[in-house]
Amino acid sequence: MSRSTRRGALAAATVALALTAAACSSSDSDSSDNPSASSSGSGSSAFQPQHQGGTLQLMAHAAAGTLDPQVNYTLQYWQLYQSMYDGLLAFKKVGGQESFTVVPDLAAAMPKVTNGGRTYTFTLRKGITFSNGKALTTDDVVASFQRIFKVSSPTAGTFYNGIVGADACIKKPASCTLSKGVIGDAKANTVTINLTAADSEFPYKLAVPHASVVPKDSPTKDAGTKPLPSTGAYMAASYDPNRELKLVRNPHFKEWSRQASPQGYPDVIDYTFGQTVESEVTAVENGQADWMFDAPPTDRLNEMGTKYASQTHVNPLTAFWYATLNVNMAPFNNKLARQAINYAVDRAAVVQLYGGTNLASPACTILPPGFPGHVDSCDYTKGGGTTWKAADLAKAKELVKKSGTAGQEVGIVVQDDDVNKSIGQYLQSLLTQLGYKAKLKPLSPNIQFTYIQNTKNKVQLALTSWYQDYPAASDFLNVLLSCASYHPGSDSSINISGFCDKGIDTKMHTALKTAQTDAKSANQQWGAIDQQVMAESPVVPLINPKLVDFTSKRVGNYQFSKQFYMLVGQLWVK
């Protein structure tokens, strides 16, 4: 999952050790090799009605922008969408490794795949109703795929550009029909999707929120704060990004698959915004809130790691925090300047600012350790090697001098919470040391992620992060750094560096094609592409994080999905 960030930063190593000892941790092992095949496991256990009811109180310092599931690209809301919106397929709603398994959702079964892997035929389940009372039809599914392009979904050009007719939709979104790409047959209750080429990752792409099915009469622009009707266990009753998001039960929901779309336990999920992280911790400890989204402040860590250790859950992530370097603006349109930043950054210092070695490790590559395609490699460390050892400030200063960029102004755009700001301040100090005139620009998390994507805002350097959408190397490299992900003037240009290398792009397309028949060879290709991208240095990998969930004493049934993290709707508060 991508996203503007969900953090689990805790800062003292001694406290982190206590937290780790008490943690509910999932394995950091390899991902599923076949997204089309679901296992025979029963998914989560049967619904326990004695735990149904109550209000689950969630807190965050800030909201995460638009509530539109086909537009929002933040973990903060993708986590909620698991109990709200459905696609033709879904990731299994369970904890652990099985959460990477794709299962039928609005489709009655896994699709019939024909035409050399280019045609997927789905039969819809019967009797599913949106939260507005309207029955789900094949027309809704067809319109939802058209809408992906009409609203310029961030992944339209990377996840769904293989659908027949997608090229025309990307060029002229408003007139998108996908007439030969997505075809509904109301009589047979089927939807057929035709691809231009086989895509081994397509089932994954159908199981993320950007492929959510919404009513056919949904607006063809970002719905913003106006909730769209949902099919899942919950619907949004109201949304004020400055105050609160309130979810209530969908009165028309009847569980059709516990694996894909399980009945939820709380009657109400109340997500409030605007508190300080200090007050969030206090609220969870006092039972006034049940969970906090944000990283706890360092002055509260001792009590969390000791007195409240049983309520603290630590989980490893396939994710990385990184700095983006705008390759189309000075000074970072100069490769030597970009490489200088990579050499100069003390990743151990960033680890400490994030929370210590038990909650993060230095990152040298775009693909995280334990992820398909990852290769231990670290060009930008003192002396070189396979792992990061130390910054090389002398080498960095030499490159800045060669680049002729010293003295130029550099704006650093970060989120305004304590953790992001502290890392931003470190980067500001470092750039000043290298001879640049660095200025820090903190923004609310509610707007920072979209702000840094839009080229109109002329962002030179930004601090952000990326959490997997699904377990495939292309979800990092192709999504973040391909030419197709760069959309000048758009809030949905996830290639924030503006990096477009035709040669590397061709290699990405080759790797995607290889993956259709040989996943192992494809992953080797992705590993090489990772190193080739790093040689061009459009980004600065900083850390690979872990995530901390802090829950109240009354919360039960905590489950951590490796795909979408804590299963919010499955928590017991009664």
Protein backbone atom coordinates (compact mmCIF):
# COMPACT_ATOMS: atom_id res chain seq x y z
CA MET A 1 0.00 0.00 0.00
CA SER A 2 1.20 3.22 -0.72
CA ARG A 3 0.55 5.94 1.00
CA SER A 4 0.94 8.99 2.74
CA THR A 5 2.11 7.64 5.87
CA ARG A 6 1.05 5.41 8.68
CA ARG A 7 3.83 5.47 11.17
CA GLY A 8 4.83 3.38 14.12
CA ALA A 9 7.70 5.47 15.38
CA LEU A 10 8.87 4.95 18.91
CA ALA A 11 12.16 6.42 19.92
CA ALA A 12 14.13 4.85 22.76
CA ALA A 13 15.82 1.56 22.13
CA THR A 14 15.27 0.31 25.68
CA VAL A 15 11.56 1.01 25.43
CA ALA A 16 11.45 -0.49 21.96
CA LEU A 17 12.88 -3.71 23.38
CA ALA A 18 10.07 -3.85 25.90
CA LEU A 19 7.53 -3.19 23.17
CA THR A 20 9.01 -5.89 20.98
CA ALA A 21 8.82 -8.41 23.78
CA ALA A 22 5.13 -7.68 24.20
CA ALA A 23 4.37 -7.46 20.51
CA CYS A 24 1.80 -9.26 18.42
CA SER A 25 4.04 -9.62 15.37
CA SER A 26 3.39 -11.19 12.00
CA SER A 27 6.03 -12.96 9.94
CA ASP A 28 8.20 -11.04 7.53
CA SER A 29 8.40 -13.96 5.12
CA ASP A 30 7.90 -14.07 1.37
CA SER A 31 4.65 -13.24 -0.36
CA SER A 32 2.23 -15.41 -2.27
CA ASP A 33 3.47 -16.37 -5.74
CA ASN A 34 0.07 -16.75 -7.36
CA PRO A 35 -2.50 -14.01 -6.82
CA SER A 36 -5.12 -15.92 -8.79
CA ALA A 37 -5.19 -18.90 -6.49
CA SER A 38 -6.85 -18.69 -3.10
CA SER A 39 -6.01 -21.20 -0.44
CA SER A 40 -8.54 -23.58 1.06
CA GLY A 41 -8.28 -21.93 4.45
CA SER A 42 -11.53 -20.83 6.08
CA GLY A 43 -10.38 -17.23 6.54
CA SER A 44 -11.22 -15.53 9.79
CA SER A 45 -13.22 -17.45 12.38
CA ALA A 46 -17.00 -17.44 12.45
CA PHE A 47 -18.73 -14.26 13.57
CA GLN A 48 -19.24 -14.12 17.34
CA PRO A 49 -22.47 -12.17 17.96
CA GLN A 50 -21.78 -11.76 21.69
CA HIS A 51 -19.06 -9.25 20.75
CA GLN A 52 -21.22 -7.23 18.38
CA GLY A 53 -22.03 -3.66 19.32
CA GLY A 54 -20.53 -0.58 20.87
CA THR A 55 -18.64 2.36 19.43
CA LEU A 56 -15.02 2.03 18.37
CA GLN A 57 -13.17 5.30 19.00
CA LEU A 58 -10.25 6.01 16.63
CA MET A 59 -8.05 9.10 16.73
CA ALA A 60 -5.60 10.82 14.38
CA HIS A 61 -3.86 14.17 14.35
CA ALA A 62 -5.24 14.83 10.84
CA ALA A 63 -7.60 13.40 8.27
CA ALA A 64 -6.27 11.87 5.04
CA GLY A 65 -7.98 13.99 2.40
CA THR A 66 -10.63 12.81 -0.01
CA LEU A 67 -12.91 9.95 1.03
CA ASP A 68 -13.29 8.76 -2.58
CA PRO A 69 -12.01 5.14 -2.68
CA GLN A 70 -10.97 5.40 -6.33
CA VAL A 71 -8.88 8.52 -5.64
CA ASN A 72 -7.53 8.32 -2.09
CA TYR A 73 -4.09 6.71 -1.92
CA THR A 74 -3.37 6.69 1.81
CA LEU A 75 -3.05 3.75 4.14
CA GLN A 76 -5.06 5.71 6.69
CA TYR A 77 -8.21 5.32 4.61
CA TRP A 78 -7.36 2.16 2.66
CA GLN A 79 -7.41 0.50 6.06
CA LEU A 80 -10.99 1.71 6.60
CA TYR A 81 -12.14 0.81 3.08
CA GLN A 82 -11.67 -2.88 3.94
CA SER A 83 -14.92 -2.66 5.90
CA MET A 84 -16.67 -0.28 3.49
CA TYR A 85 -16.03 -0.94 -0.20
CA ASP A 86 -15.73 -4.07 -2.30
CA GLY A 87 -14.27 -4.98 -5.67
CA LEU A 88 -14.69 -8.02 -7.86
CA LEU A 89 -11.86 -9.59 -5.86
CA ALA A 90 -10.44 -8.92 -2.41
CA PHE A 91 -7.50 -9.79 -0.22
CA LYS A 92 -8.53 -12.23 2.47
CA LYS A 93 -9.47 -10.42 5.70
CA VAL A 94 -7.27 -12.38 8.08
CA GLY A 95 -4.04 -11.86 9.95
CA GLY A 96 -0.62 -13.03 8.85
CA GLN A 97 0.66 -14.40 5.57
CA GLU A 98 -2.76 -15.51 4.27
CA SER A 99 -3.79 -11.86 4.07
CA PHE A 100 -1.84 -11.74 0.75
CA THR A 101 -4.28 -14.28 -0.73
CA VAL A 102 -6.81 -13.03 -3.29
CA VAL A 103 -10.38 -14.37 -2.99
CA PRO A 104 -13.71 -13.70 -4.77
CA ASP A 105 -15.64 -10.71 -3.39
CA LEU A 106 -18.44 -9.20 -5.50
CA ALA A 107 -17.64 -12.00 -7.94
CA ALA A 108 -19.17 -15.36 -7.04
CA ALA A 109 -15.92 -17.17 -7.83
CA MET A 110 -12.42 -16.52 -9.13
CA PRO A 111 -12.62 -15.45 -12.79
CA LYS A 112 -12.50 -17.70 -15.81
CA VAL A 113 -9.26 -16.72 -17.53
CA THR A 114 -9.04 -17.33 -21.28
CA ASN A 115 -7.46 -15.93 -24.44
CA GLY A 116 -3.91 -16.56 -23.26
CA GLY A 117 -4.46 -14.74 -19.98
CA ARG A 118 -5.94 -11.66 -21.65
CA THR A 119 -9.64 -12.21 -20.87
CA TYR A 120 -11.18 -12.41 -17.39
CA THR A 121 -14.85 -13.34 -17.02
CA PHE A 122 -16.58 -12.79 -13.68
CA THR A 123 -20.04 -13.91 -12.59
CA LEU A 124 -21.45 -11.48 -10.04
CA ARG A 125 -23.02 -12.57 -6.78
CA LYS A 126 -26.74 -12.01 -6.57
CA GLY A 127 -28.55 -10.03 -3.89
CA ILE A 128 -25.86 -7.47 -3.06
CA THR A 129 -27.17 -3.99 -2.31
CA PHE A 130 -25.46 -0.62 -1.92
CA SER A 131 -25.90 1.31 1.29
CA ASN A 132 -28.36 3.62 -0.54
CA GLY A 133 -30.69 0.67 -1.13
CA LYS A 134 -29.93 0.16 -4.83
CA ALA A 135 -29.10 -3.32 -6.05
CA LEU A 136 -25.63 -3.94 -7.47
CA THR A 137 -25.71 -4.62 -11.22
CA THR A 138 -23.24 -5.26 -14.03
CA ASP A 139 -23.78 -1.62 -15.09
CA ASP A 140 -22.31 -0.46 -11.78
CA VAL A 141 -19.20 -2.56 -12.35
CA VAL A 142 -18.69 -1.30 -15.91
CA ALA A 143 -19.23 2.32 -14.84
CA SER A 144 -16.79 1.91 -11.93
CA PHE A 145 -13.99 0.88 -14.28
CA GLN A 146 -14.76 3.82 -16.54
CA ARG A 147 -14.73 6.05 -13.48
CA ILE A 148 -11.16 5.00 -12.57
CA PHE A 149 -10.06 6.96 -15.64
CA LYS A 150 -12.65 9.74 -15.46
CA VAL A 151 -11.51 10.74 -11.97
CA SER A 152 -7.84 10.28 -12.93
CA SER A 153 -7.23 7.69 -10.23
CA PRO A 154 -3.53 7.71 -9.21
CA THR A 155 -3.06 4.18 -10.56
CA ALA A 156 -5.09 4.53 -13.77
CA GLY A 157 -1.88 4.65 -15.81
CA THR A 158 -0.09 1.83 -14.01
CA PHE A 159 -2.59 -0.69 -12.62
CA TYR A 160 -5.39 -0.45 -15.18
CA ASN A 161 -3.67 0.81 -18.34
CA GLY A 162 -3.55 -2.77 -19.66
CA ILE A 163 -7.34 -2.86 -20.13
CA VAL A 164 -8.35 -2.64 -23.79
CA GLY A 165 -9.24 0.99 -24.49
CA ALA A 166 -7.36 2.36 -21.49
CA ASP A 167 -4.93 4.35 -23.66
CA ALA A 168 -7.78 6.41 -25.08
CA CYS A 169 -9.22 6.87 -21.58
CA ILE A 170 -5.91 8.17 -20.25
CA LYS A 171 -5.69 10.69 -23.10
CA LYS A 172 -9.34 11.79 -22.86
CA PRO A 173 -10.71 10.74 -19.45
CA ALA A 174 -14.09 12.46 -19.79
CA SER A 175 -15.07 10.38 -22.82
CA CYS A 176 -13.84 7.04 -21.44
CA THR A 177 -16.05 4.08 -22.37
CA LEU A 178 -13.76 1.00 -22.33
CA SER A 179 -16.37 -0.37 -24.74
CA LYS A 180 -14.20 -3.33 -25.72
CA GLY A 181 -12.32 -3.53 -22.45
CA VAL A 182 -15.00 -3.97 -19.77
CA ILE A 183 -18.23 -5.54 -20.96
CA GLY A 184 -21.30 -6.25 -18.86
CA ASP A 185 -23.94 -8.83 -19.67
CA ALA A 186 -26.96 -8.14 -17.48
CA LYS A 187 -28.81 -11.27 -18.61
CA ALA A 188 -25.93 -13.60 -17.80
CA ASN A 189 -24.92 -11.45 -14.78
CA THR A 190 -21.32 -11.44 -15.98
CA VAL A 191 -18.58 -8.87 -16.49
CA THR A 192 -15.77 -9.55 -18.94
CA ILE A 193 -12.48 -7.65 -18.81
CA ASN A 194 -10.18 -7.77 -21.82
CA LEU A 195 -6.48 -6.93 -21.49
CA THR A 196 -4.05 -5.99 -24.22
CA ALA A 197 -1.56 -8.47 -22.78
CA ALA A 198 -1.55 -11.08 -20.03
CA ASP A 199 -0.85 -9.60 -16.59
CA SER A 200 0.05 -11.96 -13.75
CA GLU A 201 -0.60 -9.15 -11.23
CA PHE A 202 -4.06 -8.24 -12.46
CA PRO A 203 -5.92 -10.12 -9.68
CA TYR A 204 -3.94 -8.08 -7.14
CA LYS A 205 -4.92 -4.87 -8.90
CA LEU A 206 -8.59 -5.82 -8.77
CA ALA A 207 -8.36 -6.37 -5.01
CA VAL A 208 -7.22 -2.87 -3.98
CA PRO A 209 -9.55 0.08 -3.24
CA HIS A 210 -8.96 1.89 -6.54
CA ALA A 211 -10.96 -0.95 -8.16
CA SER A 212 -13.88 -0.53 -5.74
CA VAL A 213 -17.31 -0.83 -7.28
CA VAL A 214 -19.51 2.19 -6.65
CA PRO A 215 -22.96 3.10 -8.04
CA LYS A 216 -23.07 3.88 -11.76
CA ASP A 217 -24.46 7.37 -11.07
CA SER A 218 -21.46 8.34 -8.89
CA PRO A 219 -19.92 11.70 -9.84
CA THR A 220 -17.22 11.53 -12.50
CA LYS A 221 -14.95 13.73 -10.42
CA ASP A 222 -13.34 13.32 -7.02
CA ALA A 223 -16.22 13.00 -4.54
CA GLY A 224 -14.10 14.69 -1.86
CA THR A 225 -15.85 14.84 1.50
CA LYS A 226 -19.16 13.50 0.17
CA PRO A 227 -19.29 9.76 0.92
CA LEU A 228 -20.10 7.40 -1.94
CA PRO A 229 -22.54 4.55 -1.23
CA SER A 230 -20.76 1.36 -0.19
CA THR A 231 -21.46 -2.38 -0.28
CA GLY A 232 -19.47 -3.47 2.78
CA ALA A 233 -20.40 -3.80 6.44
CA TYR A 234 -20.06 -0.05 7.06
CA MET A 235 -21.05 3.18 5.37
CA ALA A 236 -19.88 6.73 6.01
CA ALA A 237 -22.57 8.70 7.80
CA SER A 238 -20.63 11.98 7.81
CA TYR A 239 -17.17 13.37 7.09
CA ASP A 240 -15.58 16.62 8.18
CA PRO A 241 -11.79 16.48 7.58
CA ASN A 242 -11.31 19.08 10.30
CA ARG A 243 -13.23 17.15 12.90
CA GLU A 244 -14.59 13.65 12.38
CA LEU A 245 -15.36 10.70 10.12
CA LYS A 246 -18.27 8.62 11.33
CA LEU A 247 -18.97 5.11 10.05
CA VAL A 248 -22.17 3.25 10.84
CA ARG A 249 -23.54 -0.11 9.85
CA ASN A 250 -24.72 -0.48 6.26
CA PRO A 251 -28.40 -1.41 6.82
CA HIS A 252 -28.47 -3.39 3.57
CA PHE A 253 -25.38 -5.48 4.25
CA LYS A 254 -25.61 -9.25 4.63
CA GLU A 255 -22.35 -11.16 4.85
CA TRP A 256 -21.75 -13.11 1.63
CA SER A 257 -18.13 -14.10 2.29
CA ARG A 258 -16.39 -13.98 5.64
CA GLN A 259 -13.07 -14.20 3.82
CA ALA A 260 -13.70 -11.24 1.52
CA SER A 261 -16.22 -8.98 3.25
CA PRO A 262 -16.87 -10.00 6.86
CA GLN A 263 -19.56 -8.64 9.12
CA GLY A 264 -18.12 -6.02 11.45
CA TYR A 265 -18.29 -5.99 15.24
CA PRO A 266 -18.70 -2.33 16.35
CA ASP A 267 -22.03 -0.65 15.64
CA VAL A 268 -20.27 2.68 15.12
CA ILE A 269 -16.69 3.60 14.19
CA ASP A 270 -15.97 7.17 15.24
CA TYR A 271 -12.72 8.59 13.85
CA THR A 272 -11.87 12.02 15.28
CA PHE A 273 -9.18 14.44 14.09
CA GLY A 274 -7.34 17.42 15.47
CA GLN A 275 -5.86 16.13 18.72
CA THR A 276 -2.19 16.28 19.60
CA VAL A 277 -0.37 12.95 19.75
CA GLU A 278 0.15 13.53 23.49
CA SER A 279 -3.60 13.72 24.02
CA GLU A 280 -4.13 10.68 21.79
CA VAL A 281 -1.87 8.52 23.97
CA THR A 282 -3.62 9.74 27.11
CA ALA A 283 -7.02 9.03 25.61
CA VAL A 284 -6.05 5.44 24.71
CA GLU A 285 -4.51 4.83 28.14
CA ASN A 286 -7.64 6.18 29.87
CA GLY A 287 -10.02 4.20 27.68
CA GLN A 288 -11.44 7.37 26.09
CA ALA A 289 -10.15 6.20 22.70
CA ASP A 290 -9.43 2.72 21.40
CA TRP A 291 -6.60 3.30 18.92
CA MET A 292 -4.35 6.06 17.65
CA PHE A 293 -3.08 6.40 14.10
CA ASP A 294 -0.06 8.57 14.84
CA ALA A 295 3.39 7.84 16.19
CA PRO A 296 3.50 8.21 20.00
CA PRO A 297 5.73 11.02 21.32
CA THR A 298 8.99 10.06 22.96
CA ASP A 299 8.03 11.35 26.41
CA ARG A 300 5.28 8.71 26.65
CA LEU A 301 7.28 5.70 25.56
CA ASN A 302 8.36 4.40 28.94
CA GLU A 303 4.81 4.03 30.24
CA MET A 304 3.67 2.44 26.96
CA GLY A 305 6.54 -0.06 26.95
CA THR A 306 5.98 -1.13 30.55
CA LYS A 307 2.59 -0.35 32.07
CA TYR A 308 0.71 -0.72 28.77
CA ALA A 309 2.91 -3.29 27.02
CA SER A 310 0.05 -5.75 26.45
CA GLN A 311 -1.81 -3.07 24.48
CA THR A 312 1.13 -2.34 22.17
CA HIS A 313 1.47 -4.38 18.98
CA VAL A 314 4.62 -4.22 16.80
CA ASN A 315 4.65 -5.54 13.23
CA PRO A 316 7.35 -5.50 10.51
CA LEU A 317 6.41 -3.81 7.24
CA THR A 318 7.34 -4.09 3.59
CA ALA A 319 7.70 -0.34 3.21
CA PHE A 320 10.25 2.43 3.00
CA TRP A 321 10.53 6.10 3.87
CA TYR A 322 12.34 8.14 1.28
CA ALA A 323 13.17 11.61 0.04
CA THR A 324 12.10 12.56 -3.47
CA LEU A 325 14.45 14.64 -5.61
CA ASN A 326 12.78 16.57 -8.44
CA VAL A 327 14.81 15.61 -11.52
CA ASN A 328 13.16 18.38 -13.57
CA MET A 329 14.12 21.31 -11.32
CA ALA A 330 17.40 22.77 -10.12
CA PRO A 331 19.46 21.69 -8.33
CA PHE A 332 18.30 18.09 -8.72
CA ASN A 333 18.06 18.14 -12.50
CA ASN A 334 21.78 17.50 -12.06
CA LYS A 335 22.50 13.82 -11.36
CA LEU A 336 25.66 14.65 -9.40
CA ALA A 337 23.63 16.77 -6.98
CA ARG A 338 21.15 13.91 -6.53
CA GLN A 339 23.91 11.40 -5.89
CA ALA A 340 25.49 13.81 -3.40
CA ILE A 341 22.36 13.73 -1.23
CA ASN A 342 22.32 9.93 -1.29
CA TYR A 343 25.95 9.82 -0.12
CA ALA A 344 25.46 12.53 2.51
CA VAL A 345 22.41 11.22 4.38
CA ASP A 346 23.23 9.54 7.68
CA ARG A 347 20.58 6.82 7.63
CA ALA A 348 21.48 5.75 11.17
CA ALA A 349 20.55 9.25 12.34
CA VAL A 350 17.20 8.98 10.53
CA VAL A 351 16.61 5.59 12.20
CA GLN A 352 17.08 7.23 15.59
CA LEU A 353 14.77 10.10 14.71
CA TYR A 354 12.14 7.57 13.65
CA GLY A 355 12.40 5.50 16.80
CA GLY A 356 15.55 3.43 17.09
CA THR A 357 16.94 0.24 15.65
CA ASN A 358 14.16 -1.97 16.94
CA LEU A 359 11.59 -0.04 14.92
CA ALA A 360 13.48 0.83 11.74
CA SER A 361 16.60 -0.05 9.79
CA PRO A 362 18.66 1.88 7.20
CA ALA A 363 17.43 1.54 3.61
CA CYS A 364 19.68 1.52 0.54
CA THR A 365 17.27 0.19 -2.08
CA ILE A 366 13.75 0.93 -3.23
CA LEU A 367 12.57 -2.67 -2.82
CA PRO A 368 12.43 -3.52 0.93
CA PRO A 369 14.17 -6.56 2.44
CA GLY A 370 12.03 -9.68 2.31
CA PHE A 371 10.13 -8.36 -0.72
CA PRO A 372 10.10 -9.97 -4.19
CA GLY A 373 13.07 -8.75 -6.24
CA HIS A 374 15.04 -7.25 -3.34
CA VAL A 375 18.83 -7.51 -3.63
CA ASP A 376 21.19 -6.52 -0.83
CA SER A 377 23.01 -3.59 -2.40
CA CYS A 378 24.24 -0.24 -1.11
CA ASP A 379 26.13 2.01 -3.51
CA TYR A 380 25.71 5.13 -1.38
CA THR A 381 27.59 4.11 1.73
CA LYS A 382 31.16 4.82 2.75
CA GLY A 383 33.33 2.25 1.05
CA GLY A 384 30.41 0.65 -0.81
CA GLY A 385 29.02 -2.81 -0.12
CA THR A 386 25.75 -4.65 0.32
CA THR A 387 24.50 -2.88 3.45
CA TRP A 388 24.61 0.69 4.70
CA LYS A 389 27.54 1.43 7.04
CA ALA A 390 28.10 5.18 7.17
CA ALA A 391 27.51 8.42 5.30
CA ASP A 392 30.27 9.69 3.01
CA LEU A 393 30.10 13.44 3.50
CA ALA A 394 33.44 14.07 1.79
CA LYS A 395 32.24 12.31 -1.35
CA ALA A 396 28.98 14.25 -1.20
CA LYS A 397 30.72 17.61 -0.96
CA GLU A 398 32.97 16.66 -3.87
CA LEU A 399 29.92 15.86 -6.03
CA VAL A 400 28.17 19.09 -5.08
CA LYS A 401 31.27 21.01 -6.11
CA LYS A 402 31.45 19.15 -9.44
CA SER A 403 27.76 19.80 -10.06
CA GLY A 404 28.15 23.56 -9.65
CA THR A 405 24.89 23.70 -7.70
CA ALA A 406 26.19 24.99 -4.35
CA GLY A 407 24.41 28.09 -3.10
CA GLN A 408 21.07 27.23 -4.71
CA GLU A 409 17.83 27.31 -2.74
CA VAL A 410 16.12 24.03 -1.86
CA GLY A 411 12.65 23.71 -0.34
CA ILE A 412 11.98 20.60 1.76
CA VAL A 413 8.28 19.71 2.08
CA VAL A 414 7.33 17.45 5.02
CA GLN A 415 4.27 16.60 7.08
CA ASP A 416 3.93 18.71 10.21
CA ASP A 417 3.93 15.95 12.86
CA ASP A 418 6.91 15.62 15.20
CA VAL A 419 8.56 12.64 13.50
CA ASN A 420 8.37 14.02 9.96
CA LYS A 421 9.44 17.49 11.07
CA SER A 422 12.45 16.17 12.98
CA ILE A 423 13.65 14.23 9.92
CA GLY A 424 12.96 17.31 7.78
CA GLN A 425 15.02 19.47 10.12
CA TYR A 426 17.87 16.98 9.86
CA LEU A 427 17.71 17.11 6.04
CA GLN A 428 17.62 20.92 6.17
CA SER A 429 20.76 20.97 8.33
CA LEU A 430 22.48 18.47 6.04
CA LEU A 431 21.74 20.42 2.87
CA THR A 432 22.97 23.59 4.52
CA GLN A 433 26.18 21.76 5.39
CA LEU A 434 26.53 20.79 1.72
CA GLY A 435 26.29 24.42 0.69
CA TYR A 436 22.62 24.80 -0.23
CA LYS A 437 20.15 27.36 1.12
CA ALA A 438 17.63 24.93 2.56
CA LYS A 439 14.17 25.88 3.81
CA LEU A 440 11.72 23.58 5.60
CA LYS A 441 8.06 23.66 4.57
CA PRO A 442 5.85 21.64 6.99
CA LEU A 443 2.30 20.91 5.79
CA SER A 444 -0.69 19.13 7.32
CA PRO A 445 -0.81 15.40 6.47
CA ASN A 446 -4.28 16.12 5.09
CA ILE A 447 -2.76 17.95 2.13
CA GLN A 448 0.98 17.19 1.98
CA PHE A 449 0.74 13.97 -0.05
CA THR A 450 -1.30 15.51 -2.86
CA TYR A 451 0.67 18.77 -2.69
CA ILE A 452 4.03 17.10 -3.32
CA GLN A 453 2.63 15.20 -6.31
CA ASN A 454 1.53 18.30 -8.23
CA THR A 455 4.28 19.81 -10.41
CA LYS A 456 2.56 23.21 -10.18
CA ASN A 457 3.79 23.42 -6.57
CA LYS A 458 7.43 23.17 -7.71
CA VAL A 459 8.50 20.82 -4.94
CA GLN A 460 12.25 20.20 -5.07
CA LEU A 461 12.65 17.75 -2.19
CA ALA A 462 9.92 16.01 -0.22
CA LEU A 463 9.86 13.47 2.59
CA THR A 464 7.32 10.71 2.04
CA SER A 465 6.90 6.95 2.30
CA TRP A 466 5.57 3.98 0.41
CA TYR A 467 3.73 0.99 1.84
CA GLN A 468 3.00 -1.86 -0.53
CA ASP A 469 -0.26 -2.05 -2.44
CA TYR A 470 0.32 -5.72 -3.10
CA PRO A 471 3.33 -8.08 -2.93
CA ALA A 472 5.03 -7.47 -6.28
CA ALA A 473 8.21 -5.55 -7.13
CA SER A 474 6.43 -3.52 -9.80
CA ASP A 475 4.29 -1.95 -7.07
CA PHE A 476 7.35 -0.02 -5.94
CA LEU A 477 9.40 0.50 -9.10
CA ASN A 478 6.75 0.72 -11.82
CA VAL A 479 4.27 2.66 -9.71
CA LEU A 480 6.70 5.13 -8.18
CA LEU A 481 9.24 5.68 -10.96
CA SER A 482 7.82 4.79 -14.37
CA CYS A 483 7.01 7.30 -17.09
CA ALA A 484 3.34 6.26 -16.89
CA SER A 485 3.15 7.41 -13.25
CA TYR A 486 4.24 10.95 -14.03
CA HIS A 487 1.33 13.34 -14.70
CA PRO A 488 2.41 17.01 -14.70
CA GLY A 489 -0.11 19.38 -13.14
CA SER A 490 -2.05 16.62 -11.36
CA ASP A 491 -2.54 15.93 -7.66
CA SER A 492 -2.34 12.25 -8.61
CA SER A 493 1.21 12.07 -9.98
CA ILE A 494 2.67 9.42 -7.71
CA ASN A 495 6.05 9.64 -9.50
CA ILE A 496 6.89 12.63 -7.33
CA SER A 497 10.47 12.91 -8.59
CA GLY A 498 9.23 13.25 -12.17
CA PHE A 499 11.69 10.52 -13.18
CA CYS A 500 11.20 9.14 -16.70
CA ASP A 501 14.06 7.13 -18.18
CA LYS A 502 13.00 5.50 -21.46
CA GLY A 503 15.65 2.79 -21.23
CA ILE A 504 14.71 1.80 -17.68
CA ASP A 505 11.02 2.05 -18.61
CA THR A 506 11.57 -0.51 -21.38
CA LYS A 507 13.22 -2.85 -18.88
CA MET A 508 10.24 -2.46 -16.55
CA HIS A 509 7.87 -3.47 -19.35
CA THR A 510 10.09 -6.48 -20.08
CA ALA A 511 10.03 -7.52 -16.41
CA LEU A 512 6.24 -7.20 -16.31
CA LYS A 513 5.99 -9.43 -19.38
CA THR A 514 8.46 -11.97 -17.98
CA ALA A 515 6.37 -12.21 -14.79
CA GLN A 516 3.52 -13.73 -16.80
CA THR A 517 5.46 -16.96 -17.22
CA ASP A 518 8.53 -16.84 -14.97
CA ALA A 519 8.18 -15.01 -11.64
CA LYS A 520 11.71 -15.91 -10.51
CA SER A 521 13.37 -14.42 -13.61
CA ALA A 522 11.13 -11.38 -13.41
CA ASN A 523 12.19 -10.74 -9.82
CA GLN A 524 15.83 -10.95 -10.87
CA GLN A 525 15.10 -8.32 -13.52
CA TRP A 526 13.37 -6.09 -10.98
CA GLY A 527 16.36 -6.37 -8.65
CA ALA A 528 18.64 -5.15 -11.44
CA ILE A 529 16.21 -2.34 -12.29
CA ASP A 530 16.24 -1.23 -8.64
CA GLN A 531 20.02 -0.81 -8.83
CA GLN A 532 19.82 0.99 -12.19
CA VAL A 533 17.28 3.46 -10.80
CA MET A 534 19.44 4.06 -7.74
CA ALA A 535 22.39 4.86 -10.02
CA GLU A 536 20.27 7.72 -11.41
CA SER A 537 19.33 8.70 -7.83
CA PRO A 538 15.83 10.22 -8.22
CA VAL A 539 15.03 9.20 -4.64
CA VAL A 540 16.92 8.74 -1.38
CA PRO A 541 15.85 5.58 0.48
CA LEU A 542 16.04 6.35 4.20
CA ILE A 543 14.56 3.62 6.39
CA ASN A 544 12.47 0.44 6.39
CA PRO A 545 9.96 0.85 9.24
CA LYS A 546 7.95 -1.31 11.58
CA LEU A 547 4.46 -0.35 12.68
CA VAL A 548 3.10 0.05 16.18
CA ASP A 549 -0.59 -0.20 17.01
CA PHE A 550 -1.55 1.11 20.46
CA THR A 551 -5.01 -0.09 21.50
CA SER A 552 -7.17 0.45 24.57
CA LYS A 553 -7.63 -2.13 27.29
CA ARG A 554 -11.16 -2.94 26.17
CA VAL A 555 -10.18 -3.84 22.57
CA GLY A 556 -10.20 -7.53 21.66
CA ASN A 557 -9.65 -9.66 18.56
CA TYR A 558 -6.67 -7.64 17.30
CA GLN A 559 -5.62 -8.99 13.89
CA PHE A 560 -2.83 -7.64 11.68
CA SER A 561 -3.23 -8.12 7.95
CA LYS A 562 0.13 -7.93 6.18
CA GLN A 563 -1.75 -6.42 3.26
CA PHE A 564 -3.91 -3.73 4.92
CA TYR A 565 -2.72 -3.77 8.57
CA MET A 566 -5.01 -3.78 11.60
CA LEU A 567 -8.47 -5.06 10.66
CA VAL A 568 -10.52 -2.19 12.06
CA GLY A 569 -13.99 -3.69 11.62
CA GLN A 570 -12.97 -6.93 13.34
CA LEU A 571 -12.05 -5.32 16.67
CA TRP A 572 -14.23 -6.09 19.66
CA VAL A 573 -15.24 -3.22 21.91
CA LYS A 574 -18.01 -5.09 23.68
